[in-house]
Protein backbone atom coordinates (compact mmCIF):
# COMPACT_ATOMS: atom_id res chain seq x y z
CA MET A 1 52.72 81.63 226.80
CA THR A 2 50.87 81.71 230.13
CA VAL A 3 51.76 84.62 232.28
CA VAL A 4 51.20 83.90 236.21
CA LYS A 5 51.24 87.08 238.03
CA GLU A 6 51.72 87.43 241.60
CA GLU A 7 49.78 90.04 243.06
CA SER A 8 50.60 91.23 246.24
CA GLY A 9 49.15 93.18 248.29
CA GLU A 10 50.31 94.83 251.88
CA ASP A 11 51.60 92.82 254.51
CA SER A 12 49.43 91.75 257.14
CA GLY A 13 51.57 89.20 258.37
CA GLU A 14 49.75 86.52 256.92
CA GLY A 15 51.95 85.12 254.67
CA ASP A 16 52.14 86.04 251.15
CA MET A 17 49.12 86.04 249.10
CA PRO A 18 48.02 82.94 246.72
CA GLN A 19 49.42 83.74 242.85
CA THR A 20 46.36 84.33 240.20
CA TYR A 21 46.69 82.57 236.93
CA VAL A 22 46.18 85.40 234.19
CA PRO A 23 46.22 84.99 230.22
CA SER A 24 48.59 86.02 228.16
CA ARG A 25 47.02 88.18 225.27
CA ARG A 26 48.14 84.69 222.88
CA ARG A 27 45.77 82.72 224.83
CA ILE A 28 42.87 84.82 224.49
CA GLU A 29 43.36 85.72 220.90
CA ARG A 30 43.29 82.16 220.36
CA GLU A 31 40.34 81.66 222.74
CA ARG A 32 38.16 84.37 220.83
CA TYR A 33 39.70 82.92 217.32
CA LYS A 34 37.85 79.13 218.15
CA ARG A 35 34.66 80.80 219.63
CA VAL A 36 34.20 83.07 216.31
CA ARG A 37 35.27 79.80 214.13
CA ALA A 38 32.94 77.69 216.73
CA ARG A 39 30.00 79.77 215.72
CA ARG A 40 30.81 80.93 211.86
CA ALA A 41 30.78 76.57 211.68
CA THR A 42 27.34 76.17 213.42
CA ALA A 43 26.21 79.04 211.49
CA ILE A 44 27.38 77.80 207.97
CA ALA A 45 25.87 74.45 209.44
CA ALA A 46 21.86 75.43 209.70
CA LEU A 47 22.62 77.62 206.88
CA SER A 48 23.88 74.41 204.53
CA THR A 49 21.00 72.12 206.06
CA LEU A 50 18.11 74.59 205.33
CA VAL A 51 19.42 75.08 201.91
CA THR A 52 19.03 70.94 201.62
CA GLY A 53 15.28 71.29 203.29
CA VAL A 54 14.07 73.13 200.72
CA VAL A 55 15.45 72.28 198.27
CA LEU A 56 14.20 67.60 198.97
CA TYR A 57 10.73 69.57 199.94
CA LEU A 58 10.60 71.25 196.30
CA VAL A 59 12.17 68.44 194.82
CA VAL A 60 9.14 66.13 196.61
CA VAL A 61 6.48 68.06 196.04
CA ASN A 62 7.07 69.01 192.31
CA ALA A 63 7.28 65.16 191.62
CA PRO A 64 4.87 63.36 189.57
CA GLY A 65 2.52 61.52 191.48
CA TRP A 66 2.56 63.36 194.39
CA PRO A 67 -0.47 64.97 194.93
CA ARG A 68 -1.80 61.07 194.71
CA THR A 69 1.27 59.73 197.02
CA LYS A 70 0.40 62.15 199.61
CA GLU A 71 -3.46 61.53 199.95
CA THR A 72 -2.61 57.79 200.27
CA PHE A 73 -0.02 58.24 203.05
CA PHE A 74 -0.31 61.55 204.17
CA ASN A 75 -3.37 61.97 204.90
CA ALA A 76 -4.48 64.08 207.87
CA GLN A 77 -7.74 63.18 209.01
CA TYR A 78 -6.47 59.63 209.09
CA ALA A 79 -3.44 60.04 210.54
CA ARG A 80 -5.45 62.04 213.38
CA GLU A 81 -7.73 58.82 213.89
CA ALA A 82 -4.99 56.17 213.44
CA PHE A 83 -2.61 57.89 216.45
CA PRO A 84 -4.64 57.64 219.38
CA LYS A 85 -5.28 54.21 219.25
CA VAL A 86 -2.33 53.22 217.60
CA LEU A 87 -0.64 54.75 221.03
CA GLU A 88 -2.85 52.32 222.41
CA GLY A 89 -2.07 49.42 220.43
CA LEU A 90 1.72 50.85 221.25
CA TRP A 91 1.67 49.65 224.71
CA LEU A 92 1.06 46.35 224.22
CA ASN A 93 4.80 46.50 222.47
CA VAL A 94 6.66 47.79 225.71
CA ARG A 95 5.59 44.72 227.37
CA LEU A 96 6.65 42.45 225.27
CA LEU A 97 9.32 44.47 225.65
CA LEU A 98 10.17 44.61 229.15
CA ILE A 99 8.83 40.80 229.65
CA CYS A 100 10.50 39.02 226.76
CA GLY A 101 13.56 41.20 227.26
CA ALA A 102 14.66 39.77 230.42
CA ALA A 103 13.50 36.26 229.51
CA VAL A 104 16.18 36.43 226.51
CA LEU A 105 18.37 37.80 228.87
CA VAL A 106 17.89 34.99 231.33
CA LEU A 107 17.57 32.37 228.44
CA GLY A 108 20.84 33.39 226.66
CA MET A 109 23.01 33.40 229.79
CA LEU A 110 21.70 29.84 230.59
CA ILE A 111 22.69 29.52 226.73
CA ALA A 112 25.92 30.79 227.31
CA ILE A 113 26.91 28.69 230.31
CA ALA A 114 25.83 25.68 228.70
CA ARG A 115 28.36 25.96 226.34
CA THR A 116 31.17 27.09 227.99
CA LEU A 117 31.10 24.45 230.48
CA ARG A 118 34.59 22.08 230.47
CA GLY A 119 34.68 18.64 230.99
CA PRO A 120 33.53 15.19 228.45
CA VAL A 121 30.45 14.89 231.25
CA PHE A 122 28.70 18.37 229.42
CA PHE A 123 29.42 17.52 225.77
CA PRO A 124 25.15 16.17 225.74
CA LEU A 125 24.42 19.56 227.17
CA ARG A 126 27.12 21.61 225.11
CA ALA A 127 25.80 20.02 221.84
CA LEU A 128 22.25 20.61 222.41
CA ALA A 129 22.71 24.42 223.72
CA ALA A 130 25.04 24.79 220.03
CA ALA A 131 22.03 23.28 218.37
CA TYR A 132 19.38 25.28 219.85
CA THR A 133 21.06 28.49 218.84
CA ASP A 134 21.79 27.31 215.20
CA PHE A 135 18.61 26.13 214.61
CA PHE A 136 16.87 29.50 215.76
CA ARG A 137 19.73 31.89 214.77
CA GLY A 138 18.74 30.08 210.88
CA LEU A 139 15.69 30.05 210.94
CA PRO A 140 13.61 33.64 210.29
CA LEU A 141 11.62 34.89 213.17
CA ILE A 142 8.30 35.64 210.74
CA ILE A 143 8.11 31.47 209.98
CA ASN A 144 8.98 31.26 214.14
CA LEU A 145 6.15 32.96 214.63
CA MET A 146 3.84 30.92 212.18
CA ILE A 147 4.73 27.95 214.24
CA VAL A 148 4.05 28.59 217.25
CA VAL A 149 1.51 31.63 216.90
CA LEU A 150 -0.43 30.02 214.15
CA GLY A 151 0.63 26.32 214.09
CA VAL A 152 0.42 25.39 217.76
CA PRO A 153 -3.71 26.32 218.40
CA ALA A 154 -4.22 23.95 215.70
CA LEU A 155 -2.87 21.31 217.35
CA ARG A 156 -5.86 21.64 220.02
CA LEU A 157 -3.31 20.40 223.37
CA GLN A 158 -5.40 20.50 226.50
CA GLY A 159 -4.10 22.99 228.69
CA VAL A 160 -1.70 24.97 225.95
CA THR A 161 -2.40 28.37 225.63
CA VAL A 162 -3.86 29.90 222.47
CA ASP A 163 -3.23 33.62 223.73
CA PRO A 164 -1.30 34.70 220.17
CA VAL A 165 0.25 37.40 222.74
CA LEU A 166 1.91 34.49 224.93
CA LEU A 167 2.60 32.73 222.01
CA GLY A 168 4.14 35.78 219.85
CA GLY A 169 6.53 36.68 223.34
CA THR A 170 7.13 32.80 223.24
CA ALA A 171 8.56 33.10 219.50
CA LEU A 172 10.39 36.09 220.22
CA THR A 173 12.14 34.81 223.13
CA LEU A 174 13.01 31.90 221.33
CA THR A 175 14.54 33.26 218.42
CA TYR A 176 16.17 36.21 220.28
CA SER A 177 17.62 34.29 223.26
CA ALA A 178 19.94 32.13 220.61
CA TYR A 179 21.38 35.59 219.17
CA VAL A 180 21.98 36.94 223.25
CA ALA A 181 23.34 33.42 223.93
CA GLU A 182 25.93 33.55 221.30
CA VAL A 183 26.76 37.36 221.93
CA PHE A 184 26.88 35.69 226.08
CA ARG A 185 29.45 33.16 224.89
CA ALA A 186 31.45 36.17 222.93
CA GLY A 187 31.94 37.45 225.95
CA ILE A 188 32.64 35.03 228.33
CA GLU A 189 35.90 33.17 225.54
CA SER A 190 37.10 36.97 225.37
CA ILE A 191 38.28 36.83 229.09
CA HIS A 192 41.83 35.54 229.06
CA PRO A 193 42.28 32.26 231.20
CA SER A 194 44.39 33.79 233.21
CA GLN A 195 41.25 35.34 235.10
CA ARG A 196 39.68 32.02 235.64
CA ALA A 197 43.31 30.55 236.82
CA ALA A 198 43.87 33.59 239.17
CA ALA A 199 40.63 33.25 240.75
CA ARG A 200 41.08 28.79 241.29
CA SER A 201 44.27 29.94 243.11
CA LEU A 202 42.49 32.07 245.06
CA GLY A 203 40.81 29.04 246.34
CA LEU A 204 37.64 29.67 244.61
CA THR A 205 35.99 27.13 242.27
CA ASN A 206 35.07 26.93 239.22
CA ARG A 207 31.18 27.95 239.89
CA GLN A 208 32.34 30.86 241.90
CA ALA A 209 35.46 31.82 239.91
CA LEU A 210 32.36 31.89 236.14
CA ARG A 211 29.90 34.19 238.52
CA TYR A 212 32.25 36.67 240.42
CA VAL A 213 35.17 37.06 237.82
CA VAL A 214 34.37 35.73 234.71
CA LEU A 215 30.92 36.46 234.13
CA PRO A 216 30.98 40.33 235.46
CA GLN A 217 33.19 41.35 232.72
CA ALA A 218 32.11 39.30 229.81
CA VAL A 219 28.48 41.16 230.00
CA ARG A 220 30.13 44.21 230.67
CA ARG A 221 32.20 44.04 227.48
CA GLN A 222 29.22 42.92 225.72
CA VAL A 223 26.70 45.59 226.24
CA PRO A 224 26.80 47.03 223.15
CA PRO A 225 25.63 44.34 221.68
CA LEU A 226 23.25 43.86 224.07
CA LEU A 227 21.53 46.88 223.78
CA ASN A 228 21.28 46.18 219.85
CA ASP A 229 19.27 43.03 220.49
CA LEU A 230 17.23 44.80 222.71
CA VAL A 231 16.44 47.45 219.89
CA SER A 232 15.48 44.84 217.53
CA LEU A 233 13.32 43.31 219.93
CA GLN A 234 11.83 46.31 220.40
CA LYS A 235 10.83 46.61 216.49
CA ASP A 236 10.23 42.62 215.92
CA THR A 237 7.28 43.00 218.57
CA GLY A 238 5.25 44.21 215.83
CA LEU A 239 4.87 41.38 214.49
CA VAL A 240 2.95 39.50 216.71
CA SER A 241 -0.05 41.42 215.12
CA ILE A 242 -0.01 38.12 212.60
CA GLY A 243 -2.19 35.95 215.01
CA GLY A 244 -4.70 38.84 215.47
CA ALA A 245 -2.76 40.87 218.54
CA VAL A 246 -3.92 44.38 218.52
CA ASP A 247 -0.59 45.71 218.85
CA ALA A 248 0.21 49.07 217.33
CA VAL A 249 0.46 47.57 213.83
CA ARG A 250 -2.74 45.85 214.08
CA ALA A 251 -4.56 48.86 215.23
CA ALA A 252 -2.72 50.54 212.15
CA ASP A 253 -3.46 47.55 209.69
CA ILE A 254 -7.66 47.83 211.15
CA ILE A 255 -7.86 51.23 209.97
CA VAL A 256 -6.12 50.84 206.48
CA GLY A 257 -8.40 47.46 205.87
CA ARG A 258 -11.36 50.03 206.50
CA SER A 259 -10.15 53.23 203.96
CA LEU A 260 -8.32 52.01 202.20
CA ASN A 261 -5.79 54.77 203.24
CA TYR A 262 -2.19 53.20 203.91
CA THR A 263 -1.36 56.40 206.40
CA PRO A 264 -1.92 54.92 209.49
CA TYR A 265 0.96 52.54 208.62
CA ILE A 266 3.38 55.64 208.52
CA VAL A 267 2.09 57.04 211.73
CA ALA A 268 2.75 53.32 213.42
CA GLY A 269 6.17 53.64 211.42
CA LEU A 270 7.32 56.49 212.84
CA VAL A 271 5.92 55.61 216.63
CA PHE A 272 8.25 52.90 216.54
CA VAL A 273 11.50 55.51 214.91
CA ALA A 274 10.78 58.18 217.72
CA LEU A 275 10.20 54.83 220.40
CA THR A 276 13.45 53.17 218.97
CA ILE A 277 15.70 56.26 218.09
CA PRO A 278 16.30 57.09 222.17
CA MET A 279 17.26 52.91 222.20
CA THR A 280 19.75 54.17 219.33
CA ARG A 281 21.67 56.85 220.51
CA PHE A 282 21.66 55.34 224.56
CA THR A 283 23.41 52.51 222.61
CA ASP A 284 25.80 54.93 221.06
CA TRP A 285 26.93 56.31 224.00
CA VAL A 286 27.18 52.99 225.99
CA THR A 287 29.63 51.84 222.90
CA ALA A 288 31.64 55.38 223.15
CA ARG A 289 31.98 56.24 226.67
CA MET A 290 33.72 52.50 226.94
CA ASP A 291 35.80 52.96 223.64
CA ARG A 292 37.33 55.97 225.59
CA GLN A 293 37.65 54.24 229.22
CA ARG A 294 38.99 51.45 226.55
CA ALA A 295 41.53 54.13 225.30
CA GLN A 296 42.94 55.17 228.43
CA GLY A 297 43.28 52.16 229.43
CA GLY A 298 40.04 52.11 232.71
CA THR A 299 38.11 48.66 233.67
CA ILE A 300 36.00 47.55 230.95
């Protein structure tokens, strides 16, 4: 129970004093109990984490072959040598992510719109869009990269670039635009037909209804899966190294080839993980936020 207590002062002719909320003793005790329980839970979680970490450390360092494993994969000397070069190469991966990400979103949206066009006259366009998505979703990315990055230069076509960065970015865009197109298409088809009908009844053309009514809702609904695809794209930018582009992976590979020590690969992997985790947590936050809005009946 809570109590509202009125604190009245001397009559000053200005009316009654505002009421001041005074929590009951039971509420104070309940709040104190919650704080104690939260502190206890935090202490238990910290203690259990510490114990688990110590146990895992003892199991690992006492395992057979650990000294050799430490020397081969966790050598501090090679880690210090590889770290600045891996960071320098990572800038190429970041640029690929930004440029290819923008191209993937645009191309994926165009393909999705092509697949959702109505009317028999658009059947060839729908068929081509469907064939594109089916082909590149089924084709392994590594094979696509080998065909584009290694095969295109072998054609020796005049005016066609042989830059492995440009060719690798093209291969990434071709593959990921197929996945993103399906994400956009699912969002477009999730919009109830009454939305389009209402827009048409207000005098909007089919193009205007798609642009101002359907697409904004579809894109907003598909933000979490789109972010997941961008996270995957960020990791797969390391595959352009198969063509000789000096990115984070290739920089580590050069040191490994010279030293026959695999610590640089661990460094490159940890750098990618450090870059990916914030994007993953941001995706989780966006998903949870949209779920809360959906549960509360808010706009999605």
